[in-house]
Amino acid sequence: MAFLTPYLPARSLCSAGSCLLHVPCPTIGGQAFRHSHSLELHLAVSLPRPFPCLLQDPSQDTPHRLCLQSPSFLPLPYTRPIPDPQLVSETPTVQNKSSVQYLVRPDLPKLAYKRIKGKSPGIIFLPGFASTMNAEKALELEDFSKSLGHSFIRFDYTGCGASEGVFSECTIGQWKKDVLAVIDELAEDPQILVGSSMGGWLMLLAAIVRPEKTAALVGIATGADYFVTAFNQLPLEMRKRIEETGEWFMPTKQKESEFFKIPFQFLKEAENHCVLRSPIPITCPVRLIHGLKDEDIPWQISLQVADNVLSADVDVILRKHGQHRMKGKDDLKLIVYTIDDLIDKLTTLG
């Protein structure tokens, strides 16, 4: 029988309006998730202030934490200057932004990137599918990094934005190589990789093969294995028709046309890079932010990632009204606060 008792939240949850719930093994979305360590889940909801409590089954030795936040929740009493998202333009032509440069690679397309040099740990932003380095989240993180004096890199994948290449010929494997090239050639010290949607999948792939260059991970609506999973969930007849025609018109809420045209060969190649079929050998801190109203990438994928990574330092933050792009004012604040908390943690450990 579970019971409630007064509880003093941890430092990252010290604000009034949040509560910390411990449950033995959470069943979320009708699925039970196995954990060998404490998994912290944050859900943004309105709560009376203050509302600190502990819910724990006394028969269990290893509790799991479910953290409920109010929308105005502030994880830490920050003293660093954090830019107001309202002051950040949503257009790519923003004054004082870093200038575009190109990473030249033998026999491979040039990659367009923008870099700010600064302190470690640096931050690298990985865009989503068919997105670019001029997305709102990238611009917000660049301003944030400038305010702290930390290094920051944003870039376009092959075939996207200002980079060379043909988008329709690209693959997950090609874009993984792009990420590794940026890490190897442009970043000097271990980095915090921030991946949005498909960028969250590439973030995981990069961290697996470059653990020494990965300080921490922040996934935003992480789309690990998503193309493959979504395709395999289609009726058999539809999958056969896609294989015959050579392309899949994948529904999406992110385009006016309401679909992405995905080559069948892209799907077959992507199967080589799936990460959710076995434990993920990543041991650095991992933060996964997802909106419960995401109509493109199910939020349960972030829970699967959290369950599969070997790291013991994993937080999943669920935004009650968050959508896929996570570009609202409160969404951007949460992303910034999450990264700032990681910088504090890494600096202290370092």
Protein backbone atom coordinates (compact mmCIF):
# COMPACT_ATOMS: atom_id res chain seq x y z
CA MET A 1 0.00 0.00 0.00
CA ALA A 2 1.50 3.32 -1.05
CA PHE A 3 1.60 6.17 1.40
CA LEU A 4 2.28 9.92 1.44
CA THR A 5 4.83 11.53 3.68
CA PRO A 6 6.47 15.00 3.73
CA TYR A 7 9.49 15.17 1.46
CA LEU A 8 12.16 17.77 0.84
CA PRO A 9 12.79 17.86 -2.93
CA ALA A 10 16.30 17.67 -4.32
CA ARG A 11 18.16 20.86 -5.30
CA SER A 12 16.92 20.73 -8.88
CA LEU A 13 13.33 20.60 -7.65
CA CYS A 14 13.49 23.13 -4.86
CA SER A 15 10.83 25.51 -6.20
CA ALA A 16 7.35 25.65 -4.75
CA GLY A 17 4.73 24.28 -7.09
CA SER A 18 6.56 21.03 -7.76
CA CYS A 19 6.20 17.64 -6.18
CA LEU A 20 8.36 14.54 -6.18
CA LEU A 21 6.54 11.21 -6.36
CA HIS A 22 8.32 7.89 -5.86
CA VAL A 23 6.63 4.86 -7.40
CA PRO A 24 8.06 1.31 -7.53
CA CYS A 25 7.74 0.53 -11.27
CA PRO A 26 5.74 3.04 -13.30
CA THR A 27 3.16 1.91 -15.81
CA ILE A 28 2.85 4.76 -18.28
CA GLY A 29 0.68 4.80 -21.38
CA GLY A 30 -0.39 1.22 -20.62
CA GLN A 31 3.21 -0.03 -20.67
CA ALA A 32 5.38 -1.14 -17.80
CA PHE A 33 9.01 -0.03 -17.99
CA ARG A 34 11.92 -1.87 -16.40
CA HIS A 35 14.67 0.08 -14.69
CA SER A 36 17.87 -0.95 -12.94
CA HIS A 37 18.22 2.53 -11.49
CA SER A 38 16.08 5.44 -10.45
CA LEU A 39 14.45 7.07 -13.46
CA GLU A 40 13.24 10.61 -12.96
CA LEU A 41 10.17 11.69 -14.92
CA HIS A 42 8.97 15.28 -14.97
CA LEU A 43 5.40 16.14 -15.97
CA ALA A 44 4.38 19.77 -16.35
CA VAL A 45 0.98 20.26 -14.71
CA SER A 46 -0.66 22.90 -12.56
CA LEU A 47 -0.29 22.19 -8.86
CA PRO A 48 -1.20 24.02 -5.68
CA ARG A 49 1.76 25.86 -4.16
CA PRO A 50 3.59 24.41 -2.35
CA PHE A 51 3.09 20.68 -2.98
CA PRO A 52 6.16 18.63 -1.97
CA CYS A 53 5.40 14.97 -1.18
CA LEU A 54 6.76 11.45 -1.48
CA LEU A 55 4.77 8.47 -2.74
CA GLN A 56 6.60 5.22 -2.13
CA ASP A 57 5.78 1.54 -1.78
CA PRO A 58 7.61 0.41 1.39
CA SER A 59 8.01 -3.10 -0.05
CA GLN A 60 10.31 -1.78 -2.79
CA ASP A 61 14.01 -1.10 -2.20
CA THR A 62 14.59 0.94 -5.36
CA PRO A 63 12.02 3.71 -5.84
CA HIS A 64 11.37 5.51 -9.09
CA ARG A 65 10.67 9.22 -9.19
CA LEU A 66 7.89 11.03 -10.98
CA CYS A 67 8.27 14.79 -10.76
CA LEU A 68 5.27 17.01 -11.41
CA GLN A 69 5.95 20.63 -12.30
CA SER A 70 3.80 23.69 -12.66
CA PRO A 71 4.29 25.60 -15.95
CA SER A 72 6.06 28.39 -14.09
CA PHE A 73 8.48 25.90 -12.51
CA LEU A 74 12.06 27.16 -12.23
CA PRO A 75 14.44 24.24 -11.61
CA LEU A 76 17.23 26.24 -9.99
CA PRO A 77 17.77 29.66 -8.42
CA TYR A 78 19.91 30.70 -11.39
CA THR A 79 22.34 33.54 -11.11
CA ARG A 80 23.60 33.35 -14.69
CA PRO A 81 22.14 35.73 -17.26
CA ILE A 82 19.58 33.78 -19.31
CA PRO A 83 18.20 35.47 -22.43
CA ASP A 84 14.44 36.02 -22.69
CA PRO A 85 13.06 33.99 -25.65
CA GLN A 86 10.78 36.94 -26.44
CA LEU A 87 13.85 38.95 -27.38
CA VAL A 88 15.13 36.31 -29.81
CA SER A 89 14.03 36.77 -33.42
CA GLU A 90 12.59 33.74 -35.18
CA THR A 91 14.14 34.73 -38.50
CA PRO A 92 17.57 33.46 -39.59
CA THR A 93 18.84 36.99 -40.25
CA VAL A 94 19.55 37.99 -36.67
CA GLN A 95 22.17 40.59 -35.89
CA ASN A 96 25.30 39.52 -34.03
CA LYS A 97 24.85 35.87 -35.00
CA SER A 98 27.92 33.85 -35.90
CA SER A 99 28.86 33.87 -39.59
CA VAL A 100 28.42 30.82 -41.84
CA GLN A 101 31.53 28.73 -42.43
CA TYR A 102 32.07 25.46 -44.31
CA LEU A 103 33.66 22.23 -43.17
CA VAL A 104 35.51 20.81 -46.18
CA ARG A 105 35.78 17.02 -46.32
CA PRO A 106 37.60 14.98 -49.00
CA ASP A 107 35.09 13.43 -51.45
CA LEU A 108 32.14 14.47 -49.27
CA PRO A 109 29.77 17.46 -49.45
CA LYS A 110 30.75 20.62 -47.58
CA LEU A 111 28.89 21.18 -44.33
CA ALA A 112 27.67 24.66 -43.45
CA TYR A 113 28.10 25.57 -39.80
CA LYS A 114 28.23 28.47 -37.37
CA ARG A 115 30.53 28.36 -34.38
CA ILE A 116 31.14 30.46 -31.30
CA LYS A 117 34.34 29.73 -29.43
CA GLY A 118 34.27 29.72 -25.66
CA LYS A 119 34.54 27.69 -22.49
CA SER A 120 33.91 24.00 -21.98
CA PRO A 121 31.68 22.13 -21.98
CA GLY A 122 30.56 23.32 -25.37
CA ILE A 123 27.14 22.75 -26.91
CA ILE A 124 26.38 21.27 -30.33
CA PHE A 125 22.83 21.48 -31.71
CA LEU A 126 21.58 18.69 -33.99
CA PRO A 127 18.48 19.66 -36.03
CA GLY A 128 15.56 17.41 -36.86
CA PHE A 129 14.56 15.82 -40.17
CA ALA A 130 14.45 18.36 -43.01
CA SER A 131 15.26 21.14 -40.55
CA THR A 132 18.23 23.51 -40.45
CA MET A 133 20.58 25.27 -38.07
CA ASN A 134 18.33 28.35 -38.19
CA ALA A 135 15.55 26.74 -36.14
CA GLU A 136 14.29 28.71 -33.13
CA LYS A 137 15.88 26.29 -30.66
CA ALA A 138 19.30 26.63 -32.32
CA LEU A 139 19.17 30.43 -32.22
CA GLU A 140 18.02 30.42 -28.60
CA LEU A 141 20.83 28.10 -27.56
CA GLU A 142 23.37 30.24 -29.40
CA ASP A 143 22.28 33.30 -27.42
CA PHE A 144 22.32 31.27 -24.21
CA SER A 145 25.85 29.99 -24.90
CA LYS A 146 27.03 33.53 -25.64
CA SER A 147 25.64 34.77 -22.34
CA LEU A 148 27.67 32.14 -20.47
CA GLY A 149 30.80 32.36 -22.59
CA HIS A 150 30.58 28.68 -23.61
CA SER A 151 31.35 27.39 -27.08
CA PHE A 152 28.47 26.56 -29.40
CA ILE A 153 28.12 24.92 -32.82
CA ARG A 154 25.07 24.62 -35.06
CA PHE A 155 25.22 23.14 -38.55
CA ASP A 156 23.24 21.82 -41.50
CA TYR A 157 23.26 18.16 -42.47
CA THR A 158 24.21 17.12 -45.99
CA GLY A 159 21.43 18.13 -48.38
CA CYS A 160 19.87 20.53 -45.88
CA GLY A 161 20.00 24.30 -45.51
CA ALA A 162 23.26 25.81 -46.74
CA SER A 163 25.20 22.52 -46.89
CA GLU A 164 26.05 20.76 -50.13
CA GLY A 165 24.38 17.53 -51.21
CA VAL A 166 21.04 16.21 -52.44
CA PHE A 167 18.46 15.75 -49.69
CA SER A 168 16.60 12.89 -51.39
CA GLU A 169 19.83 10.87 -51.59
CA CYS A 170 20.73 11.22 -47.92
CA THR A 171 20.53 8.51 -45.25
CA ILE A 172 20.70 8.20 -41.48
CA GLY A 173 24.22 6.80 -41.94
CA GLN A 174 25.27 9.85 -43.98
CA TRP A 175 23.92 12.25 -41.40
CA LYS A 176 25.60 10.29 -38.62
CA LYS A 177 28.89 10.84 -40.46
CA ASP A 178 28.07 14.55 -40.61
CA VAL A 179 27.63 14.71 -36.84
CA LEU A 180 30.87 12.82 -36.23
CA ALA A 181 32.74 15.13 -38.62
CA VAL A 182 31.52 18.18 -36.69
CA ILE A 183 32.51 16.60 -33.37
CA ASP A 184 35.92 15.47 -34.63
CA GLU A 185 36.90 18.52 -36.67
CA LEU A 186 35.22 21.46 -34.96
CA ALA A 187 34.89 20.56 -31.27
CA GLU A 188 37.93 20.51 -29.02
CA ASP A 189 36.62 19.15 -25.72
CA PRO A 190 33.70 16.94 -24.63
CA GLN A 191 30.41 18.49 -25.73
CA ILE A 192 26.80 18.59 -24.63
CA LEU A 193 24.92 17.24 -27.64
CA VAL A 194 21.40 18.67 -28.00
CA GLY A 195 19.35 16.71 -30.51
CA SER A 196 15.87 17.66 -31.73
CA SER A 197 13.57 14.93 -33.11
CA MET A 198 15.70 12.93 -35.58
CA GLY A 199 18.65 14.87 -34.17
CA GLY A 200 18.01 13.04 -30.89
CA TRP A 201 18.50 9.74 -32.70
CA LEU A 202 21.73 10.97 -34.30
CA MET A 203 22.81 12.30 -30.89
CA LEU A 204 22.60 8.77 -29.48
CA LEU A 205 24.46 7.25 -32.43
CA ALA A 206 27.27 9.81 -32.07
CA ALA A 207 27.56 9.33 -28.30
CA ILE A 208 27.94 5.56 -28.75
CA VAL A 209 31.01 5.89 -30.99
CA ARG A 210 32.47 9.08 -29.45
CA PRO A 211 32.02 8.63 -25.69
CA GLU A 212 35.22 10.55 -24.99
CA LYS A 213 33.84 13.60 -26.81
CA THR A 214 30.36 13.45 -25.24
CA ALA A 215 29.87 15.21 -21.90
CA ALA A 216 26.07 14.90 -21.76
CA LEU A 217 22.99 14.48 -23.95
CA VAL A 218 19.79 16.52 -24.18
CA GLY A 219 17.10 15.04 -26.41
CA ILE A 220 14.10 17.14 -27.46
CA ALA A 221 11.23 14.99 -28.78
CA THR A 222 13.83 12.30 -29.44
CA GLY A 223 12.92 10.28 -32.53
CA ALA A 224 15.10 7.22 -31.99
CA ASP A 225 14.34 4.50 -34.59
CA TYR A 226 11.16 6.37 -35.43
CA PHE A 227 11.11 6.03 -39.23
CA VAL A 228 11.71 2.29 -38.98
CA THR A 229 9.22 1.78 -36.17
CA ALA A 230 6.48 3.80 -37.87
CA PHE A 231 6.99 1.96 -41.15
CA ASN A 232 6.86 -1.47 -39.48
CA GLN A 233 3.57 -0.55 -37.83
CA LEU A 234 1.88 -0.03 -41.19
CA PRO A 235 -0.43 -2.75 -42.58
CA LEU A 236 1.40 -5.39 -44.59
CA GLU A 237 -0.29 -4.44 -47.85
CA MET A 238 0.74 -0.82 -47.46
CA ARG A 239 4.34 -1.78 -46.75
CA LYS A 240 4.41 -3.93 -49.87
CA ARG A 241 3.01 -1.08 -51.94
CA ILE A 242 5.67 1.31 -50.57
CA GLU A 243 8.40 -1.18 -51.44
CA GLU A 244 7.03 -1.50 -54.98
CA THR A 245 6.68 2.24 -55.56
CA GLY A 246 9.96 3.03 -53.83
CA GLU A 247 8.64 5.83 -51.62
CA TRP A 248 6.47 6.47 -48.59
CA PHE A 249 4.35 9.57 -48.15
CA MET A 250 4.70 9.75 -44.38
CA PRO A 251 2.04 11.83 -42.59
CA THR A 252 3.30 14.76 -40.50
CA LYS A 253 1.88 17.80 -38.74
CA GLN A 254 5.05 19.79 -39.43
CA LYS A 255 4.50 20.64 -43.11
CA GLU A 256 1.72 22.42 -44.96
CA SER A 257 1.52 19.48 -47.35
CA GLU A 258 1.10 17.22 -44.28
CA PHE A 259 3.52 14.52 -45.44
CA PHE A 260 7.22 13.79 -45.93
CA LYS A 261 8.24 11.83 -49.03
CA ILE A 262 10.54 9.11 -47.67
CA PRO A 263 12.47 6.89 -50.14
CA PHE A 264 12.14 3.17 -49.39
CA GLN A 265 15.93 2.82 -49.53
CA PHE A 266 16.18 5.45 -46.77
CA LEU A 267 14.03 3.19 -44.56
CA LYS A 268 16.07 0.08 -45.35
CA GLU A 269 19.35 1.86 -44.60
CA ALA A 270 17.93 3.30 -41.37
CA GLU A 271 17.40 -0.23 -40.05
CA ASN A 272 21.18 -0.48 -39.69
CA HIS A 273 21.16 2.31 -37.09
CA CYS A 274 18.34 1.31 -34.75
CA VAL A 275 19.26 1.70 -31.07
CA LEU A 276 16.17 0.53 -29.16
CA ARG A 277 16.57 -3.19 -29.83
CA SER A 278 19.25 -3.65 -27.18
CA PRO A 279 20.89 -1.77 -24.27
CA ILE A 280 22.40 1.54 -25.40
CA PRO A 281 26.06 1.81 -24.27
CA ILE A 282 25.90 5.42 -23.11
CA THR A 283 26.97 6.30 -19.57
CA CYS A 284 27.02 10.12 -19.56
CA PRO A 285 24.15 12.23 -18.10
CA VAL A 286 21.04 12.11 -20.32
CA ARG A 287 18.08 14.51 -20.29
CA LEU A 288 15.04 13.77 -22.47
CA ILE A 289 12.33 16.41 -22.96
CA HIS A 290 9.08 15.51 -24.70
CA GLY A 291 5.63 17.00 -25.16
CA LEU A 292 2.58 14.90 -24.35
CA LYS A 293 0.76 16.51 -27.29
CA ASP A 294 3.48 15.57 -29.78
CA GLU A 295 1.58 14.30 -32.84
CA ASP A 296 4.69 13.25 -34.77
CA ILE A 297 7.00 11.41 -32.35
CA PRO A 298 5.24 9.51 -29.53
CA TRP A 299 6.52 10.58 -26.12
CA GLN A 300 6.82 6.91 -25.15
CA ILE A 301 9.95 6.77 -27.32
CA SER A 302 11.76 9.00 -24.82
CA LEU A 303 10.81 6.53 -22.09
CA GLN A 304 12.17 3.67 -24.16
CA VAL A 305 15.45 5.53 -24.65
CA ALA A 306 15.68 6.19 -20.92
CA ASP A 307 15.01 2.53 -20.21
CA ASN A 308 17.68 1.32 -22.65
CA VAL A 309 20.62 3.62 -21.91
CA LEU A 310 23.12 2.26 -19.40
CA SER A 311 23.61 5.61 -17.70
CA ALA A 312 22.31 5.89 -14.13
CA ASP A 313 21.86 9.65 -14.55
CA VAL A 314 18.73 9.89 -16.71
CA ASP A 315 15.86 12.38 -16.47
CA VAL A 316 12.73 12.34 -18.64
CA ILE A 317 10.80 15.61 -18.67
CA LEU A 318 7.25 15.47 -20.06
CA ARG A 319 5.50 18.73 -20.96
CA LYS A 320 1.74 18.37 -20.51
CA HIS A 321 0.88 20.80 -23.33
CA GLY A 322 4.14 20.46 -25.24
CA GLN A 323 3.98 19.80 -28.99
CA HIS A 324 6.57 18.33 -31.31
CA ARG A 325 8.60 21.41 -32.12
CA MET A 326 8.89 22.57 -28.50
CA LYS A 327 9.44 26.17 -29.59
CA GLY A 328 7.10 28.05 -27.24
CA LYS A 329 8.46 30.50 -24.69
CA ASP A 330 8.10 28.07 -21.78
CA ASP A 331 9.49 25.21 -23.89
CA LEU A 332 12.62 27.20 -24.73
CA LYS A 333 13.06 28.21 -21.10
CA LEU A 334 12.86 24.59 -20.00
CA ILE A 335 15.47 23.54 -22.56
CA VAL A 336 17.80 26.34 -21.48
CA TYR A 337 17.34 25.57 -17.77
CA THR A 338 17.99 21.87 -18.38
CA ILE A 339 21.26 22.59 -20.19
CA ASP A 340 22.30 25.15 -17.59
CA ASP A 341 21.74 22.58 -14.85
CA LEU A 342 23.93 20.12 -16.75
CA ILE A 343 26.69 22.70 -17.13
CA ASP A 344 26.58 23.26 -13.37
CA LYS A 345 26.77 19.52 -12.77
CA LEU A 346 29.62 18.94 -15.22
CA THR A 347 31.58 21.95 -13.96
CA THR A 348 31.25 20.77 -10.37
CA LEU A 349 32.34 17.22 -11.25
CA GLY A 350 35.20 18.56 -13.36
